[in-house]
Amino acid sequence: MSKLLIPDPTKRITIAGILEHPWFNKDLPPGVKQMNDNMRIPASGSQTEEEVRAVVKEAQKNMAGGHPAWEDDYIDDTMDAEDYDSPYDDA
C-alpha cells in the first residue's frame, strides 16, 4: 500500500506493478487476470471523455443554485408513503 501513496509519480508503483504484486494476486479465482486481456472495445456511439466532461460540467453548473424544490417534495412523499421500507426503520 505504501507504494501507492508515493507522491512522486516516477517512483510510485505502476498499474502493471500492482497487477503483478503478490498481495493483489492472492486468492484470485482462476481466469480473473486474463479478463483484462479480453476486454471489449467500447461500442460505437459511446461517449467520449470530452462529452462526459461536458455533461458533468453542465450538471455542476445547474446545481450551483442548489437542488430543485421538487426533489424535496419527491423525497418527502416517498418517505411518507405507507409502502416505503427503509433499512433504517429498525435502527
N, C-alpha and C. Protein backbone atom coordinates (compact mmCIF):
# COMPACT_ATOMS: atom_id res chain seq x y z
N MET A 1 0.82 -1.19 0.00
CA MET A 1 0.00 0.00 0.00
C MET A 1 0.86 1.25 0.00
N SER A 2 1.96 1.22 0.69
CA SER A 2 2.79 2.42 0.78
C SER A 2 3.30 2.84 -0.59
N LYS A 3 3.46 1.88 -1.50
CA LYS A 3 3.94 2.22 -2.85
C LYS A 3 2.89 2.99 -3.65
N LEU A 4 1.62 2.86 -3.27
CA LEU A 4 0.56 3.61 -3.93
C LEU A 4 0.55 5.07 -3.52
N LEU A 5 1.06 5.36 -2.34
CA LEU A 5 0.97 6.70 -1.76
C LEU A 5 2.20 7.56 -1.99
N ILE A 6 3.15 7.08 -2.74
CA ILE A 6 4.36 7.86 -3.01
C ILE A 6 3.98 9.04 -3.91
N PRO A 7 4.26 10.27 -3.46
CA PRO A 7 3.86 11.45 -4.24
C PRO A 7 4.51 11.56 -5.61
N ASP A 8 5.76 11.14 -5.73
CA ASP A 8 6.48 11.25 -6.99
C ASP A 8 6.00 10.16 -7.95
N PRO A 9 5.31 10.54 -9.03
CA PRO A 9 4.77 9.53 -9.95
C PRO A 9 5.83 8.67 -10.61
N THR A 10 7.06 9.16 -10.71
CA THR A 10 8.11 8.35 -11.32
C THR A 10 8.58 7.24 -10.38
N LYS A 11 8.30 7.38 -9.08
CA LYS A 11 8.70 6.37 -8.10
C LYS A 11 7.52 5.53 -7.61
N ARG A 12 6.30 6.00 -7.89
CA ARG A 12 5.09 5.30 -7.46
C ARG A 12 4.92 4.00 -8.25
N ILE A 13 4.31 3.00 -7.63
CA ILE A 13 4.06 1.73 -8.30
C ILE A 13 3.12 1.95 -9.48
N THR A 14 3.37 1.26 -10.55
CA THR A 14 2.54 1.39 -11.75
C THR A 14 1.36 0.42 -11.69
N ILE A 15 0.41 0.60 -12.58
CA ILE A 15 -0.72 -0.33 -12.66
C ILE A 15 -0.20 -1.73 -12.96
N ALA A 16 0.76 -1.82 -13.87
CA ALA A 16 1.34 -3.14 -14.19
C ALA A 16 1.98 -3.75 -12.96
N GLY A 17 2.67 -2.92 -12.16
CA GLY A 17 3.29 -3.40 -10.94
C GLY A 17 2.26 -3.89 -9.93
N ILE A 18 1.15 -3.18 -9.84
CA ILE A 18 0.06 -3.60 -8.94
C ILE A 18 -0.51 -4.94 -9.39
N LEU A 19 -0.75 -5.05 -10.70
CA LEU A 19 -1.34 -6.27 -11.24
C LEU A 19 -0.45 -7.50 -11.04
N GLU A 20 0.84 -7.29 -10.91
CA GLU A 20 1.76 -8.40 -10.71
C GLU A 20 2.13 -8.62 -9.24
N HIS A 21 1.74 -7.71 -8.37
CA HIS A 21 2.13 -7.79 -6.97
C HIS A 21 1.47 -9.00 -6.30
N PRO A 22 2.21 -9.75 -5.48
CA PRO A 22 1.65 -10.93 -4.81
C PRO A 22 0.41 -10.62 -3.96
N TRP A 23 0.39 -9.47 -3.31
CA TRP A 23 -0.78 -9.11 -2.49
C TRP A 23 -2.03 -9.00 -3.34
N PHE A 24 -1.89 -8.40 -4.53
CA PHE A 24 -3.03 -8.23 -5.43
C PHE A 24 -3.50 -9.57 -5.97
N ASN A 25 -2.58 -10.47 -6.20
CA ASN A 25 -2.90 -11.75 -6.83
C ASN A 25 -3.33 -12.83 -5.85
N LYS A 26 -3.18 -12.58 -4.56
CA LYS A 26 -3.50 -13.60 -3.56
C LYS A 26 -4.99 -13.97 -3.64
N ASP A 27 -5.26 -15.24 -3.73
CA ASP A 27 -6.61 -15.80 -3.71
C ASP A 27 -7.50 -15.35 -4.87
N LEU A 28 -6.91 -14.91 -5.97
CA LEU A 28 -7.73 -14.56 -7.14
C LEU A 28 -8.29 -15.84 -7.75
N PRO A 29 -9.55 -15.83 -8.13
CA PRO A 29 -10.11 -17.00 -8.81
C PRO A 29 -9.43 -17.21 -10.16
N PRO A 30 -9.40 -18.42 -10.64
CA PRO A 30 -8.78 -18.70 -11.94
C PRO A 30 -9.42 -17.86 -13.05
N GLY A 31 -8.59 -17.33 -13.91
CA GLY A 31 -9.09 -16.59 -15.08
C GLY A 31 -9.30 -15.11 -14.87
N VAL A 32 -9.22 -14.63 -13.64
CA VAL A 32 -9.51 -13.22 -13.38
C VAL A 32 -8.48 -12.32 -14.06
N LYS A 33 -7.21 -12.68 -13.98
CA LYS A 33 -6.17 -11.84 -14.60
C LYS A 33 -6.33 -11.77 -16.12
N GLN A 34 -6.84 -12.80 -16.71
CA GLN A 34 -6.99 -12.83 -18.17
C GLN A 34 -8.16 -11.95 -18.64
N MET A 35 -9.06 -11.58 -17.73
CA MET A 35 -10.18 -10.74 -18.13
C MET A 35 -9.70 -9.41 -18.70
N ASN A 36 -8.62 -8.85 -18.14
CA ASN A 36 -8.10 -7.58 -18.66
C ASN A 36 -7.59 -7.73 -20.09
N ASP A 37 -7.08 -8.90 -20.43
CA ASP A 37 -6.59 -9.12 -21.78
C ASP A 37 -7.73 -9.28 -22.78
N ASN A 38 -8.91 -9.61 -22.29
CA ASN A 38 -10.05 -9.88 -23.17
C ASN A 38 -11.13 -8.80 -23.09
N MET A 39 -10.73 -7.59 -22.68
CA MET A 39 -11.71 -6.52 -22.56
C MET A 39 -12.29 -6.16 -23.92
N ARG A 40 -13.58 -5.88 -23.93
CA ARG A 40 -14.22 -5.49 -25.19
C ARG A 40 -13.95 -4.01 -25.47
N ILE A 41 -13.83 -3.70 -26.73
CA ILE A 41 -13.70 -2.31 -27.14
C ILE A 41 -15.08 -1.68 -27.01
N PRO A 42 -15.17 -0.47 -26.45
CA PRO A 42 -16.48 0.16 -26.30
C PRO A 42 -17.21 0.24 -27.62
N ALA A 43 -18.50 0.04 -27.56
CA ALA A 43 -19.33 0.06 -28.76
C ALA A 43 -19.30 1.45 -29.39
N SER A 44 -19.49 1.48 -30.69
CA SER A 44 -19.55 2.79 -31.34
C SER A 44 -20.76 3.53 -30.80
N GLY A 45 -20.61 4.81 -30.66
CA GLY A 45 -21.69 5.60 -30.08
C GLY A 45 -21.47 5.87 -28.61
N SER A 46 -20.43 5.27 -28.02
CA SER A 46 -20.13 5.55 -26.62
C SER A 46 -19.67 6.99 -26.51
N GLN A 47 -19.89 7.58 -25.35
CA GLN A 47 -19.48 8.96 -25.15
C GLN A 47 -17.96 9.05 -25.05
N THR A 48 -17.44 10.13 -25.58
CA THR A 48 -16.02 10.39 -25.45
C THR A 48 -15.77 11.01 -24.08
N GLU A 49 -14.51 11.07 -23.69
CA GLU A 49 -14.18 11.70 -22.42
C GLU A 49 -14.62 13.16 -22.41
N GLU A 50 -14.44 13.84 -23.54
CA GLU A 50 -14.84 15.24 -23.62
C GLU A 50 -16.34 15.40 -23.44
N GLU A 51 -17.13 14.49 -24.02
CA GLU A 51 -18.59 14.56 -23.86
C GLU A 51 -19.00 14.33 -22.41
N VAL A 52 -18.35 13.38 -21.76
CA VAL A 52 -18.66 13.11 -20.35
C VAL A 52 -18.32 14.33 -19.51
N ARG A 53 -17.15 14.92 -19.76
CA ARG A 53 -16.76 16.13 -19.01
C ARG A 53 -17.76 17.26 -19.22
N ALA A 54 -18.25 17.42 -20.44
CA ALA A 54 -19.23 18.47 -20.73
C ALA A 54 -20.53 18.23 -19.96
N VAL A 55 -20.97 16.98 -19.90
CA VAL A 55 -22.19 16.65 -19.16
C VAL A 55 -22.02 16.93 -17.67
N VAL A 56 -20.87 16.54 -17.13
CA VAL A 56 -20.60 16.78 -15.71
C VAL A 56 -20.55 18.27 -15.43
N LYS A 57 -19.88 19.02 -16.30
CA LYS A 57 -19.77 20.47 -16.12
C LYS A 57 -21.15 21.12 -16.15
N GLU A 58 -21.99 20.69 -17.06
CA GLU A 58 -23.35 21.23 -17.16
C GLU A 58 -24.15 20.90 -15.90
N ALA A 59 -24.01 19.69 -15.41
CA ALA A 59 -24.72 19.29 -14.19
C ALA A 59 -24.25 20.11 -13.00
N GLN A 60 -22.95 20.34 -12.92
CA GLN A 60 -22.42 21.14 -11.82
C GLN A 60 -22.90 22.58 -11.91
N LYS A 61 -22.99 23.10 -13.12
CA LYS A 61 -23.47 24.47 -13.32
C LYS A 61 -24.93 24.58 -12.87
N ASN A 62 -25.72 23.58 -13.23
CA ASN A 62 -27.14 23.60 -12.87
C ASN A 62 -27.34 23.44 -11.37
N MET A 63 -26.41 22.80 -10.69
CA MET A 63 -26.55 22.59 -9.26
C MET A 63 -26.00 23.74 -8.44
N ALA A 64 -25.39 24.72 -9.08
CA ALA A 64 -24.78 25.83 -8.36
C ALA A 64 -25.80 26.57 -7.50
N GLY A 65 -27.04 26.61 -7.95
CA GLY A 65 -28.08 27.30 -7.20
C GLY A 65 -28.80 26.39 -6.22
N GLY A 66 -28.31 25.19 -6.02
CA GLY A 66 -28.98 24.24 -5.13
C GLY A 66 -29.82 23.27 -5.93
N HIS A 67 -30.44 22.34 -5.26
CA HIS A 67 -31.24 21.36 -5.97
C HIS A 67 -32.67 21.87 -6.14
N PRO A 68 -33.37 21.38 -7.16
CA PRO A 68 -34.73 21.84 -7.42
C PRO A 68 -35.66 21.50 -6.25
N ALA A 69 -36.65 22.35 -6.06
CA ALA A 69 -37.58 22.17 -4.94
C ALA A 69 -38.37 20.87 -5.08
N TRP A 70 -38.65 20.43 -6.31
CA TRP A 70 -39.44 19.22 -6.48
C TRP A 70 -38.75 18.02 -5.87
N GLU A 71 -37.41 18.04 -5.77
CA GLU A 71 -36.71 16.91 -5.17
C GLU A 71 -37.09 16.73 -3.71
N ASP A 72 -37.20 17.84 -2.98
CA ASP A 72 -37.61 17.75 -1.58
C ASP A 72 -39.00 17.15 -1.46
N ASP A 73 -39.92 17.60 -2.31
CA ASP A 73 -41.29 17.08 -2.27
C ASP A 73 -41.30 15.59 -2.60
N TYR A 74 -40.53 15.20 -3.61
CA TYR A 74 -40.47 13.80 -4.02
C TYR A 74 -39.93 12.93 -2.88
N ILE A 75 -38.86 13.39 -2.26
CA ILE A 75 -38.26 12.62 -1.16
C ILE A 75 -39.24 12.53 0.00
N ASP A 76 -39.88 13.66 0.36
CA ASP A 76 -40.84 13.65 1.46
C ASP A 76 -42.00 12.71 1.17
N ASP A 77 -42.54 12.79 -0.04
CA ASP A 77 -43.68 11.92 -0.40
C ASP A 77 -43.27 10.45 -0.38
N THR A 78 -42.08 10.16 -0.86
CA THR A 78 -41.62 8.77 -0.88
C THR A 78 -41.46 8.22 0.54
N MET A 79 -40.87 9.02 1.40
CA MET A 79 -40.64 8.56 2.76
C MET A 79 -41.94 8.46 3.55
N ASP A 80 -42.96 9.27 3.19
CA ASP A 80 -44.24 9.23 3.87
C ASP A 80 -45.15 8.12 3.35
N ALA A 81 -44.81 7.55 2.22
CA ALA A 81 -45.65 6.51 1.63
C ALA A 81 -45.73 5.31 2.57
N GLU A 82 -46.90 4.70 2.63
CA GLU A 82 -47.11 3.57 3.54
C GLU A 82 -46.25 2.37 3.17
N ASP A 83 -45.96 2.19 1.89
CA ASP A 83 -45.21 1.00 1.48
C ASP A 83 -43.70 1.27 1.39
N TYR A 84 -43.27 2.42 1.86
CA TYR A 84 -41.82 2.72 1.84
C TYR A 84 -41.16 1.94 2.96
N ASP A 85 -40.16 1.14 2.60
CA ASP A 85 -39.46 0.31 3.57
C ASP A 85 -38.02 0.78 3.67
N SER A 86 -37.69 1.45 4.75
CA SER A 86 -36.34 1.97 4.94
C SER A 86 -35.51 0.98 5.75
N PRO A 87 -34.27 0.79 5.37
CA PRO A 87 -33.40 -0.09 6.16
C PRO A 87 -33.09 0.51 7.52
N TYR A 88 -33.41 1.78 7.71
CA TYR A 88 -33.12 2.45 8.97
C TYR A 88 -34.31 2.46 9.91
N ASP A 89 -35.46 1.92 9.50
CA ASP A 89 -36.66 1.92 10.34
C ASP A 89 -36.43 1.14 11.64
N ASP A 90 -35.64 0.07 11.57
CA ASP A 90 -35.44 -0.77 12.74
C ASP A 90 -34.25 -0.33 13.59
N ALA A 91 -33.55 0.68 13.14
CA ALA A 91 -32.33 1.11 13.85
C ALA A 91 -32.66 1.86 15.12
